[in-house]
Amino acid sequence: MEKNRRENSLPCETIGVAGAGRGVGVTHFCVMAANYLTAVAGDETAVLEWNGSGDFGRMELACTGGVQGRRRFRILGTDYYKGAGAGELALCLDRYRRILIDFGELRDGVRDEFARCGKRVLIGSFSEWQWETFWGWIERGRAAEKGWILAAAFGSGETRREVVRKLKIPVLEIPLSADAFTVTPGTLEFFQTFFMRR
């Protein structure tokens, strides 16, 4: 029988994670965050694949050795939901303390759902071939107006510092982690601070 999270007095928190472009590390970030929440914070955690990438099916195969017919699979105490949407989110709200939603690249079809999340993280890159897309989101002010958390793992630290200085908008520096399933001292410190943010 599945545990009903509502037995716990803490409210469920939804964390939407989207990319300012493709390949900026949204899924990697979600896995890192989920492992911190499960292993360190001790929270019942789910990660929903709310995009058409199919990455979760490949993750299930690589990590468990097979692909089950069910949408849900478990790795290191965290539940992952393949090809999720509003139905899976509704089911998860009563079961988990934290729900991370991997929206993939931010696009019109998911922007409203992303905006409904309790915490919204827009991940970009300051790599030479990707930073202009991220800059476009920041410059238009969309992220700042909606209270989004801006973060980047890749690219020039100098460019990141310049953006922060010019626009006075903080951009978190996601620590590099070769293995998203491992909580390192760098990821531990980063997520302790991240989850204290309002």
N, C-alpha and C. Protein backbone atom coordinates (compact mmCIF):
# COMPACT_ATOMS: atom_id res chain seq x y z
N MET A 1 0.84 -1.18 0.00
CA MET A 1 0.00 0.00 0.00
C MET A 1 0.89 1.25 0.00
N GLU A 2 0.56 2.22 -0.82
CA GLU A 2 1.38 3.42 -0.94
C GLU A 2 1.11 4.36 0.22
N LYS A 3 2.19 4.99 0.66
CA LYS A 3 2.08 5.96 1.74
C LYS A 3 1.40 7.22 1.22
N ASN A 4 0.46 7.72 1.98
CA ASN A 4 -0.20 8.98 1.63
C ASN A 4 0.56 10.10 2.30
N ARG A 5 1.12 11.01 1.52
CA ARG A 5 1.96 12.07 2.05
C ARG A 5 1.19 13.03 2.94
N ARG A 6 -0.12 13.09 2.82
CA ARG A 6 -0.91 14.01 3.61
C ARG A 6 -0.88 13.67 5.10
N GLU A 7 -0.38 12.47 5.44
CA GLU A 7 -0.20 12.13 6.85
C GLU A 7 0.83 13.07 7.47
N ASN A 8 1.73 13.57 6.67
CA ASN A 8 2.76 14.49 7.11
C ASN A 8 2.17 15.90 7.10
N SER A 9 2.48 16.69 8.12
CA SER A 9 1.88 18.03 8.21
C SER A 9 2.51 19.04 7.26
N LEU A 10 3.68 18.74 6.68
CA LEU A 10 4.32 19.68 5.77
C LEU A 10 3.61 19.70 4.42
N PRO A 11 3.41 20.89 3.84
CA PRO A 11 2.74 20.96 2.55
C PRO A 11 3.63 20.45 1.41
N CYS A 12 3.01 20.04 0.35
CA CYS A 12 3.73 19.59 -0.84
C CYS A 12 4.29 20.82 -1.56
N GLU A 13 5.52 20.72 -2.03
CA GLU A 13 6.13 21.80 -2.80
C GLU A 13 6.39 21.31 -4.22
N THR A 14 5.93 22.08 -5.20
CA THR A 14 6.22 21.76 -6.59
C THR A 14 7.32 22.69 -7.09
N ILE A 15 8.29 22.09 -7.76
CA ILE A 15 9.43 22.83 -8.29
C ILE A 15 9.49 22.59 -9.79
N GLY A 16 9.17 23.61 -10.57
CA GLY A 16 9.23 23.50 -12.02
C GLY A 16 10.62 23.87 -12.51
N VAL A 17 11.17 23.06 -13.39
CA VAL A 17 12.51 23.32 -13.93
C VAL A 17 12.40 23.30 -15.45
N ALA A 18 12.83 24.38 -16.08
CA ALA A 18 12.76 24.49 -17.54
C ALA A 18 14.06 25.10 -18.06
N GLY A 19 14.33 24.84 -19.33
CA GLY A 19 15.55 25.35 -19.94
C GLY A 19 15.28 26.52 -20.86
N ALA A 20 16.21 27.48 -20.86
CA ALA A 20 16.12 28.61 -21.78
C ALA A 20 16.47 28.18 -23.20
N GLY A 21 16.95 26.98 -23.35
CA GLY A 21 17.28 26.39 -24.65
C GLY A 21 17.39 24.89 -24.46
N ARG A 22 17.82 24.19 -25.50
CA ARG A 22 17.97 22.74 -25.41
C ARG A 22 19.36 22.39 -24.89
N GLY A 23 19.45 21.29 -24.17
CA GLY A 23 20.73 20.77 -23.73
C GLY A 23 21.46 21.61 -22.69
N VAL A 24 20.70 22.31 -21.83
CA VAL A 24 21.34 23.15 -20.82
C VAL A 24 21.42 22.47 -19.45
N GLY A 25 20.92 21.24 -19.33
CA GLY A 25 21.07 20.49 -18.10
C GLY A 25 19.85 20.43 -17.20
N VAL A 26 18.65 20.54 -17.76
CA VAL A 26 17.43 20.52 -16.95
C VAL A 26 17.25 19.16 -16.26
N THR A 27 17.35 18.07 -17.01
CA THR A 27 17.16 16.75 -16.42
C THR A 27 18.26 16.44 -15.41
N HIS A 28 19.48 16.81 -15.73
CA HIS A 28 20.61 16.60 -14.81
C HIS A 28 20.35 17.34 -13.49
N PHE A 29 19.88 18.58 -13.59
CA PHE A 29 19.56 19.36 -12.39
C PHE A 29 18.46 18.67 -11.58
N CYS A 30 17.40 18.21 -12.24
CA CYS A 30 16.29 17.56 -11.54
C CYS A 30 16.76 16.32 -10.79
N VAL A 31 17.61 15.52 -11.42
CA VAL A 31 18.12 14.30 -10.78
C VAL A 31 18.99 14.67 -9.58
N MET A 32 19.87 15.65 -9.76
CA MET A 32 20.72 16.10 -8.64
C MET A 32 19.88 16.58 -7.47
N ALA A 33 18.87 17.42 -7.77
CA ALA A 33 18.01 17.96 -6.72
C ALA A 33 17.23 16.85 -6.02
N ALA A 34 16.71 15.92 -6.80
CA ALA A 34 15.93 14.81 -6.23
C ALA A 34 16.79 13.95 -5.31
N ASN A 35 18.01 13.70 -5.71
CA ASN A 35 18.89 12.89 -4.86
C ASN A 35 19.24 13.61 -3.57
N TYR A 36 19.42 14.91 -3.64
CA TYR A 36 19.64 15.67 -2.41
C TYR A 36 18.40 15.57 -1.50
N LEU A 37 17.22 15.81 -2.08
CA LEU A 37 16.00 15.81 -1.28
C LEU A 37 15.72 14.46 -0.64
N THR A 38 15.96 13.38 -1.38
CA THR A 38 15.70 12.04 -0.86
C THR A 38 16.77 11.61 0.15
N ALA A 39 18.05 11.73 -0.23
CA ALA A 39 19.14 11.20 0.59
C ALA A 39 19.51 12.09 1.77
N VAL A 40 19.46 13.40 1.59
CA VAL A 40 19.91 14.31 2.64
C VAL A 40 18.74 14.87 3.44
N ALA A 41 17.74 15.42 2.75
CA ALA A 41 16.61 16.04 3.44
C ALA A 41 15.60 15.00 3.95
N GLY A 42 15.65 13.79 3.39
CA GLY A 42 14.73 12.73 3.82
C GLY A 42 13.31 12.93 3.36
N ASP A 43 13.12 13.69 2.28
CA ASP A 43 11.78 13.97 1.77
C ASP A 43 11.33 12.91 0.77
N GLU A 44 10.04 12.55 0.83
CA GLU A 44 9.45 11.73 -0.22
C GLU A 44 9.44 12.60 -1.48
N THR A 45 10.12 12.14 -2.54
CA THR A 45 10.33 12.99 -3.72
C THR A 45 9.96 12.26 -5.00
N ALA A 46 9.32 13.00 -5.90
CA ALA A 46 9.00 12.49 -7.24
C ALA A 46 9.53 13.45 -8.28
N VAL A 47 9.91 12.91 -9.44
CA VAL A 47 10.35 13.72 -10.57
C VAL A 47 9.47 13.35 -11.75
N LEU A 48 8.81 14.36 -12.33
CA LEU A 48 7.90 14.13 -13.46
C LEU A 48 8.54 14.61 -14.76
N GLU A 49 8.53 13.76 -15.76
CA GLU A 49 9.04 14.10 -17.09
C GLU A 49 7.89 14.71 -17.89
N TRP A 50 7.78 16.03 -17.85
CA TRP A 50 6.69 16.73 -18.52
C TRP A 50 7.22 17.29 -19.83
N ASN A 51 7.78 16.45 -20.64
CA ASN A 51 8.32 16.83 -21.96
C ASN A 51 8.39 15.57 -22.81
N GLY A 52 8.64 15.72 -24.06
CA GLY A 52 8.63 14.58 -24.97
C GLY A 52 10.00 13.99 -25.26
N SER A 53 10.98 14.22 -24.40
CA SER A 53 12.35 13.79 -24.68
C SER A 53 12.55 12.28 -24.64
N GLY A 54 11.81 11.59 -23.79
CA GLY A 54 12.01 10.16 -23.61
C GLY A 54 13.23 9.82 -22.77
N ASP A 55 13.85 10.83 -22.16
CA ASP A 55 15.06 10.60 -21.35
C ASP A 55 14.81 9.68 -20.16
N PHE A 56 13.63 9.75 -19.57
CA PHE A 56 13.39 8.93 -18.39
C PHE A 56 13.34 7.44 -18.73
N GLY A 57 12.84 7.10 -19.90
CA GLY A 57 12.85 5.70 -20.33
C GLY A 57 14.27 5.20 -20.50
N ARG A 58 15.14 6.03 -21.07
CA ARG A 58 16.55 5.66 -21.22
C ARG A 58 17.24 5.58 -19.85
N MET A 59 16.85 6.48 -18.94
CA MET A 59 17.40 6.45 -17.58
C MET A 59 16.99 5.16 -16.87
N GLU A 60 15.71 4.80 -17.00
CA GLU A 60 15.23 3.58 -16.37
C GLU A 60 16.01 2.37 -16.88
N LEU A 61 16.21 2.28 -18.18
CA LEU A 61 16.95 1.17 -18.77
C LEU A 61 18.38 1.13 -18.25
N ALA A 62 19.05 2.27 -18.24
CA ALA A 62 20.44 2.33 -17.82
C ALA A 62 20.62 2.04 -16.33
N CYS A 63 19.68 2.48 -15.51
CA CYS A 63 19.84 2.36 -14.06
C CYS A 63 19.22 1.11 -13.46
N THR A 64 18.21 0.54 -14.11
CA THR A 64 17.55 -0.63 -13.54
C THR A 64 17.74 -1.89 -14.39
N GLY A 65 18.25 -1.71 -15.61
CA GLY A 65 18.49 -2.86 -16.47
C GLY A 65 17.30 -3.26 -17.32
N GLY A 66 16.20 -2.55 -17.20
CA GLY A 66 15.02 -2.87 -18.00
C GLY A 66 14.03 -1.73 -18.00
N VAL A 67 13.02 -1.85 -18.85
CA VAL A 67 11.96 -0.84 -18.91
C VAL A 67 10.64 -1.55 -18.63
N GLN A 68 9.98 -1.11 -17.56
CA GLN A 68 8.70 -1.70 -17.18
C GLN A 68 7.58 -1.03 -17.97
N GLY A 69 6.42 -1.66 -18.00
CA GLY A 69 5.27 -1.09 -18.69
C GLY A 69 4.66 0.08 -17.95
N ARG A 70 5.00 0.22 -16.67
CA ARG A 70 4.42 1.30 -15.86
C ARG A 70 5.15 2.62 -16.12
N ARG A 71 4.45 3.71 -15.82
CA ARG A 71 5.08 5.03 -15.98
C ARG A 71 6.07 5.32 -14.87
N ARG A 72 5.86 4.74 -13.70
CA ARG A 72 6.69 5.05 -12.54
C ARG A 72 7.79 4.01 -12.34
N PHE A 73 8.99 4.49 -12.02
CA PHE A 73 10.08 3.62 -11.61
C PHE A 73 10.85 4.32 -10.50
N ARG A 74 11.65 3.55 -9.78
CA ARG A 74 12.34 4.10 -8.60
C ARG A 74 13.84 3.90 -8.73
N ILE A 75 14.59 4.98 -8.41
CA ILE A 75 16.04 4.91 -8.35
C ILE A 75 16.48 5.59 -7.06
N LEU A 76 17.21 4.86 -6.22
CA LEU A 76 17.76 5.39 -4.98
C LEU A 76 16.73 6.12 -4.12
N GLY A 77 15.54 5.55 -4.05
CA GLY A 77 14.50 6.10 -3.18
C GLY A 77 13.65 7.20 -3.78
N THR A 78 13.97 7.65 -4.99
CA THR A 78 13.19 8.69 -5.67
C THR A 78 12.32 8.04 -6.73
N ASP A 79 11.07 8.48 -6.83
CA ASP A 79 10.17 7.98 -7.87
C ASP A 79 10.23 8.89 -9.09
N TYR A 80 10.38 8.28 -10.26
CA TYR A 80 10.43 8.99 -11.54
C TYR A 80 9.21 8.58 -12.36
N TYR A 81 8.57 9.57 -13.00
CA TYR A 81 7.38 9.33 -13.81
C TYR A 81 7.66 9.71 -15.26
N LYS A 82 7.62 8.71 -16.13
CA LYS A 82 7.86 8.94 -17.57
C LYS A 82 6.63 9.55 -18.21
N GLY A 83 6.84 10.42 -19.19
CA GLY A 83 5.74 10.98 -19.98
C GLY A 83 4.60 11.50 -19.13
N ALA A 84 4.91 12.23 -18.08
CA ALA A 84 3.90 12.68 -17.12
C ALA A 84 3.16 13.92 -17.61
N GLY A 85 2.05 14.18 -16.94
CA GLY A 85 1.24 15.36 -17.24
C GLY A 85 0.38 15.68 -16.03
N ALA A 86 -0.73 16.35 -16.28
CA ALA A 86 -1.60 16.82 -15.20
C ALA A 86 -2.14 15.67 -14.34
N GLY A 87 -2.43 14.53 -14.95
CA GLY A 87 -2.95 13.39 -14.20
C GLY A 87 -1.96 12.86 -13.18
N GLU A 88 -0.71 12.72 -13.60
CA GLU A 88 0.33 12.23 -12.69
C GLU A 88 0.60 13.25 -11.59
N LEU A 89 0.58 14.52 -11.95
CA LEU A 89 0.80 15.55 -10.94
C LEU A 89 -0.30 15.49 -9.88
N ALA A 90 -1.54 15.35 -10.30
CA ALA A 90 -2.65 15.27 -9.35
C ALA A 90 -2.48 14.09 -8.40
N LEU A 91 -2.05 12.94 -8.92
CA LEU A 91 -1.83 11.76 -8.08
C LEU A 91 -0.69 11.99 -7.09
N CYS A 92 0.34 12.70 -7.52
CA CYS A 92 1.54 12.89 -6.70
C CYS A 92 1.34 13.89 -5.57
N LEU A 93 0.42 14.82 -5.73
CA LEU A 93 0.26 15.88 -4.73
C LEU A 93 -0.03 15.36 -3.33
N ASP A 94 -0.72 14.22 -3.23
CA ASP A 94 -1.04 13.65 -1.92
C ASP A 94 -0.01 12.63 -1.44
N ARG A 95 0.99 12.35 -2.26
CA ARG A 95 1.95 11.29 -1.91
C ARG A 95 3.34 11.78 -1.55
N TYR A 96 3.70 12.96 -2.02
CA TYR A 96 5.09 13.39 -1.90
C TYR A 96 5.22 14.74 -1.22
N ARG A 97 6.34 14.93 -0.57
CA ARG A 97 6.66 16.23 0.05
C ARG A 97 7.18 17.19 -1.02
N ARG A 98 7.98 16.67 -1.97
CA ARG A 98 8.55 17.51 -3.03
C ARG A 98 8.30 16.85 -4.38
N ILE A 99 7.89 17.67 -5.34
CA ILE A 99 7.70 17.20 -6.71
C ILE A 99 8.50 18.10 -7.64
N LEU A 100 9.45 17.52 -8.34
CA LEU A 100 10.22 18.25 -9.35
C LEU A 100 9.61 17.94 -10.70
N ILE A 101 9.36 18.98 -11.49
CA ILE A 101 8.78 18.77 -12.82
C ILE A 101 9.78 19.21 -13.87
N ASP A 102 10.22 18.25 -14.67
CA ASP A 102 11.20 18.49 -15.75
C ASP A 102 10.42 18.88 -17.00
N PHE A 103 10.35 20.19 -17.29
CA PHE A 103 9.61 20.67 -18.45
C PHE A 103 10.45 20.66 -19.72
N GLY A 104 11.75 20.35 -19.62
CA GLY A 104 12.61 20.43 -20.80
C GLY A 104 12.74 21.88 -21.21
N GLU A 105 12.83 22.13 -22.51
CA GLU A 105 12.96 23.50 -23.01
C GLU A 105 11.65 24.26 -22.79
N LEU A 106 11.76 25.46 -22.23
CA LEU A 106 10.56 26.27 -22.00
C LEU A 106 9.95 26.67 -23.33
N ARG A 107 8.66 26.41 -23.48
CA ARG A 107 7.95 26.71 -24.72
C ARG A 107 6.52 27.06 -24.37
N ASP A 108 5.80 27.57 -25.34
CA ASP A 108 4.44 28.05 -25.09
C ASP A 108 3.54 26.99 -24.48
N GLY A 109 3.66 25.75 -24.91
CA GLY A 109 2.77 24.69 -24.46
C GLY A 109 2.87 24.35 -22.98
N VAL A 110 3.98 24.72 -22.32
CA VAL A 110 4.14 24.38 -20.90
C VAL A 110 4.30 25.61 -20.01
N ARG A 111 4.33 26.79 -20.60
CA ARG A 111 4.61 27.99 -19.81
C ARG A 111 3.59 28.20 -18.68
N ASP A 112 2.31 27.94 -18.95
CA ASP A 112 1.30 28.14 -17.91
C ASP A 112 1.48 27.17 -16.75
N GLU A 113 1.76 25.90 -17.07
CA GLU A 113 1.99 24.91 -16.01
C GLU A 113 3.25 25.25 -15.21
N PHE A 114 4.28 25.70 -15.90
CA PHE A 114 5.52 26.12 -15.25
C PHE A 114 5.24 27.26 -14.27
N ALA A 115 4.44 28.22 -14.70
CA ALA A 115 4.12 29.39 -13.87
C ALA A 115 3.32 29.02 -12.63
N ARG A 116 2.61 27.89 -12.65
CA ARG A 116 1.81 27.46 -11.50
C ARG A 116 2.64 26.81 -10.39
N CYS A 117 3.88 26.44 -10.70
CA CYS A 117 4.72 25.75 -9.71
C CYS A 117 5.10 26.70 -8.58
N GLY A 118 5.25 26.14 -7.40
CA GLY A 118 5.62 26.93 -6.23
C GLY A 118 6.98 27.58 -6.37
N LYS A 119 7.93 26.85 -6.96
CA LYS A 119 9.26 27.37 -7.27
C LYS A 119 9.48 27.16 -8.74
N ARG A 120 10.05 28.17 -9.42
CA ARG A 120 10.28 28.06 -10.86
C ARG A 120 11.75 28.34 -11.15
N VAL A 121 12.41 27.38 -11.77
CA VAL A 121 13.84 27.50 -12.07
C VAL A 121 14.02 27.52 -13.58
N LEU A 122 14.62 28.58 -14.10
CA LEU A 122 14.96 28.67 -15.51
C LEU A 122 16.46 28.47 -15.63
N ILE A 123 16.83 27.40 -16.32
CA ILE A 123 18.25 27.07 -16.49
C ILE A 123 18.71 27.49 -17.88
N GLY A 124 19.80 28.18 -17.91
CA GLY A 124 20.41 28.60 -19.17
C GLY A 124 21.86 28.23 -19.19
N SER A 125 22.55 28.72 -20.19
CA SER A 125 23.97 28.44 -20.32
C SER A 125 24.68 29.70 -20.79
N PHE A 126 25.88 29.90 -20.30
CA PHE A 126 26.71 31.00 -20.76
C PHE A 126 27.79 30.52 -21.71
N SER A 127 27.59 29.32 -22.29
CA SER A 127 28.48 28.84 -23.36
C SER A 127 28.31 29.75 -24.56
N GLU A 128 29.37 29.91 -25.33
CA GLU A 128 29.36 30.85 -26.46
C GLU A 128 28.18 30.63 -27.41
N TRP A 129 27.78 29.39 -27.64
CA TRP A 129 26.72 29.09 -28.61
C TRP A 129 25.32 29.06 -27.98
N GLN A 130 25.22 29.26 -26.66
CA GLN A 130 23.91 29.19 -26.02
C GLN A 130 23.54 30.43 -25.21
N TRP A 131 24.50 31.27 -24.88
CA TRP A 131 24.20 32.32 -23.93
C TRP A 131 23.23 33.37 -24.46
N GLU A 132 23.19 33.59 -25.77
CA GLU A 132 22.28 34.62 -26.31
C GLU A 132 20.82 34.27 -26.06
N THR A 133 20.47 32.98 -26.13
CA THR A 133 19.09 32.57 -25.85
C THR A 133 18.73 32.86 -24.40
N PHE A 134 19.64 32.52 -23.50
CA PHE A 134 19.44 32.77 -22.07
C PHE A 134 19.35 34.28 -21.82
N TRP A 135 20.25 35.02 -22.43
CA TRP A 135 20.26 36.48 -22.30
C TRP A 135 18.93 37.07 -22.77
N GLY A 136 18.39 36.53 -23.86
CA GLY A 136 17.11 37.01 -24.38
C GLY A 136 16.00 36.90 -23.35
N TRP A 137 15.93 35.77 -22.64
CA TRP A 137 14.93 35.60 -21.59
C TRP A 137 15.14 36.62 -20.48
N ILE A 138 16.38 36.78 -20.09
CA ILE A 138 16.69 37.69 -18.98
C ILE A 138 16.40 39.14 -19.37
N GLU A 139 16.87 39.54 -20.55
CA GLU A 139 16.76 40.92 -20.99
C GLU A 139 15.30 41.36 -21.14
N ARG A 140 14.45 40.46 -21.60
CA ARG A 140 13.03 40.79 -21.75
C ARG A 140 12.35 40.94 -20.40
N GLY A 141 13.03 40.51 -19.35
CA GLY A 141 12.50 40.67 -18.00
C GLY A 141 11.46 39.65 -17.61
N ARG A 142 11.21 38.66 -18.46
CA ARG A 142 10.17 37.68 -18.14
C ARG A 142 10.50 36.94 -16.85
N ALA A 143 11.75 36.53 -16.71
CA ALA A 143 12.13 35.75 -15.54
C ALA A 143 12.01 36.57 -14.27
N ALA A 144 12.53 37.79 -14.29
CA ALA A 144 12.53 38.61 -13.09
C ALA A 144 11.10 38.96 -12.66
N GLU A 145 10.24 39.27 -13.62
CA GLU A 145 8.87 39.67 -13.30
C GLU A 145 8.08 38.55 -12.62
N LYS A 146 8.36 37.31 -12.96
CA LYS A 146 7.58 36.20 -12.43
C LYS A 146 8.26 35.56 -11.22
N GLY A 147 9.35 36.14 -10.76
CA GLY A 147 10.03 35.59 -9.60
C GLY A 147 10.73 34.28 -9.87
N TRP A 148 11.15 34.05 -11.10
CA TRP A 148 11.85 32.82 -11.43
C TRP A 148 13.25 32.85 -10.84
N ILE A 149 13.76 31.68 -10.52
CA ILE A 149 15.15 31.53 -10.10
C ILE A 149 15.95 31.23 -11.35
N LEU A 150 16.97 32.02 -11.62
CA LEU A 150 17.82 31.81 -12.79
C LEU A 150 19.06 31.05 -12.36
N ALA A 151 19.48 30.08 -13.18
CA ALA A 151 20.65 29.28 -12.84
C ALA A 151 21.34 28.82 -14.12
N ALA A 152 22.63 28.54 -14.02
CA ALA A 152 23.41 28.04 -15.15
C ALA A 152 24.53 27.15 -14.64
N ALA A 153 24.83 26.10 -15.39
CA ALA A 153 25.93 25.21 -15.03
C ALA A 153 27.10 25.34 -15.98
N PHE A 154 26.81 25.77 -17.20
CA PHE A 154 27.84 25.77 -18.22
C PHE A 154 28.21 27.18 -18.65
N GLY A 155 29.43 27.31 -19.14
CA GLY A 155 29.82 28.55 -19.78
C GLY A 155 30.71 29.44 -18.93
N SER A 156 30.90 30.61 -19.43
CA SER A 156 31.85 31.56 -18.86
C SER A 156 31.34 32.18 -17.57
N GLY A 157 32.16 32.05 -16.53
CA GLY A 157 31.84 32.71 -15.26
C GLY A 157 31.91 34.21 -15.41
N GLU A 158 32.77 34.67 -16.29
CA GLU A 158 32.90 36.11 -16.54
C GLU A 158 31.61 36.67 -17.14
N THR A 159 31.04 35.94 -18.11
CA THR A 159 29.78 36.37 -18.72
C THR A 159 28.66 36.40 -17.68
N ARG A 160 28.61 35.38 -16.83
CA ARG A 160 27.59 35.33 -15.78
C ARG A 160 27.72 36.53 -14.85
N ARG A 161 28.94 36.83 -14.42
CA ARG A 161 29.16 37.97 -13.54
C ARG A 161 28.77 39.28 -14.21
N GLU A 162 29.01 39.40 -15.51
CA GLU A 162 28.66 40.61 -16.26
C GLU A 162 27.14 40.79 -16.31
N VAL A 163 26.41 39.69 -16.54
CA VAL A 163 24.94 39.73 -16.57
C VAL A 163 24.40 40.17 -15.20
N VAL A 164 24.93 39.56 -14.16
CA VAL A 164 24.49 39.89 -12.81
C VAL A 164 24.76 41.37 -12.51
N ARG A 165 25.92 41.86 -12.91
CA ARG A 165 26.30 43.25 -12.65
C ARG A 165 25.42 44.23 -13.43
N LYS A 166 25.19 43.95 -14.72
CA LYS A 166 24.42 44.86 -15.57
C LYS A 166 22.94 44.89 -15.22
N LEU A 167 22.36 43.72 -15.04
CA LEU A 167 20.91 43.65 -14.85
C LEU A 167 20.48 43.53 -13.40
N LYS A 168 21.45 43.35 -12.51
CA LYS A 168 21.16 43.21 -11.08
C LYS A 168 20.16 42.08 -10.82
N ILE A 169 20.31 41.01 -11.58
CA ILE A 169 19.49 39.81 -11.40
C ILE A 169 20.45 38.66 -11.07
N PRO A 170 20.28 38.01 -9.94
CA PRO A 170 21.20 36.92 -9.60
C PRO A 170 21.01 35.71 -10.51
N VAL A 171 22.12 35.09 -10.86
CA VAL A 171 22.11 33.84 -11.62
C VAL A 171 22.92 32.83 -10.82
N LEU A 172 22.25 31.81 -10.30
CA LEU A 172 22.94 30.81 -9.49
C LEU A 172 23.88 29.99 -10.36
N GLU A 173 25.02 29.64 -9.79
CA GLU A 173 25.98 28.81 -10.50
C GLU A 173 25.82 27.37 -10.01
N ILE A 174 25.23 26.53 -10.86
CA ILE A 174 25.02 25.12 -10.51
C ILE A 174 26.37 24.42 -10.51
N PRO A 175 26.70 23.71 -9.43
CA PRO A 175 28.00 23.04 -9.40
C PRO A 175 28.06 21.91 -10.44
N LEU A 176 29.22 21.76 -11.04
CA LEU A 176 29.39 20.67 -12.00
C LEU A 176 29.41 19.35 -11.25
N SER A 177 28.73 18.36 -11.78
CA SER A 177 28.66 17.04 -11.17
C SER A 177 28.63 16.01 -12.28
N ALA A 178 29.67 15.20 -12.35
CA ALA A 178 29.75 14.18 -13.40
C ALA A 178 28.64 13.14 -13.24
N ASP A 179 28.28 12.82 -12.01
CA ASP A 179 27.25 11.83 -11.74
C ASP A 179 26.09 12.50 -11.00
N ALA A 180 24.97 12.66 -11.69
CA ALA A 180 23.83 13.36 -11.10
C ALA A 180 23.25 12.61 -9.90
N PHE A 181 23.54 11.32 -9.77
CA PHE A 181 22.99 10.52 -8.68
C PHE A 181 23.83 10.58 -7.41
N THR A 182 24.97 11.27 -7.46
CA THR A 182 25.85 11.36 -6.31
C THR A 182 25.77 12.75 -5.69
N VAL A 183 25.58 12.79 -4.37
CA VAL A 183 25.58 14.06 -3.66
C VAL A 183 27.02 14.34 -3.23
N THR A 184 27.62 15.35 -3.84
CA THR A 184 29.00 15.73 -3.54
C THR A 184 28.99 16.90 -2.56
N PRO A 185 30.14 17.24 -1.97
CA PRO A 185 30.17 18.42 -1.09
C PRO A 185 29.66 19.68 -1.79
N GLY A 186 29.99 19.85 -3.08
CA GLY A 186 29.54 21.02 -3.83
C GLY A 186 28.04 21.05 -4.02
N THR A 187 27.44 19.90 -4.38
CA THR A 187 25.99 19.86 -4.58
C THR A 187 25.26 19.96 -3.24
N LEU A 188 25.85 19.39 -2.19
CA LEU A 188 25.26 19.48 -0.86
C LEU A 188 25.12 20.94 -0.44
N GLU A 189 26.19 21.70 -0.57
CA GLU A 189 26.16 23.12 -0.19
C GLU A 189 25.19 23.92 -1.06
N PHE A 190 25.22 23.64 -2.36
CA PHE A 190 24.34 24.36 -3.29
C PHE A 190 22.87 24.13 -2.95
N PHE A 191 22.46 22.87 -2.78
CA PHE A 191 21.04 22.58 -2.56
C PHE A 191 20.58 22.93 -1.15
N GLN A 192 21.47 22.91 -0.17
CA GLN A 192 21.07 23.40 1.16
C GLN A 192 20.64 24.86 1.06
N THR A 193 21.42 25.65 0.33
CA THR A 193 21.08 27.07 0.14
C THR A 193 19.86 27.22 -0.76
N PHE A 194 19.81 26.46 -1.85
CA PHE A 194 18.72 26.56 -2.82
C PHE A 194 17.37 26.30 -2.18
N PHE A 195 17.26 25.26 -1.38
CA PHE A 195 15.96 24.91 -0.81
C PHE A 195 15.58 25.76 0.39
N MET A 196 16.46 26.62 0.84
CA MET A 196 16.10 27.59 1.87
C MET A 196 15.51 28.86 1.24
N ARG A 197 15.72 29.03 -0.09
CA ARG A 197 15.19 30.20 -0.80
C ARG A 197 13.67 30.16 -0.83
N ARG A 198 13.05 31.31 -0.75
CA ARG A 198 11.59 31.39 -0.86
C ARG A 198 11.20 31.68 -2.29
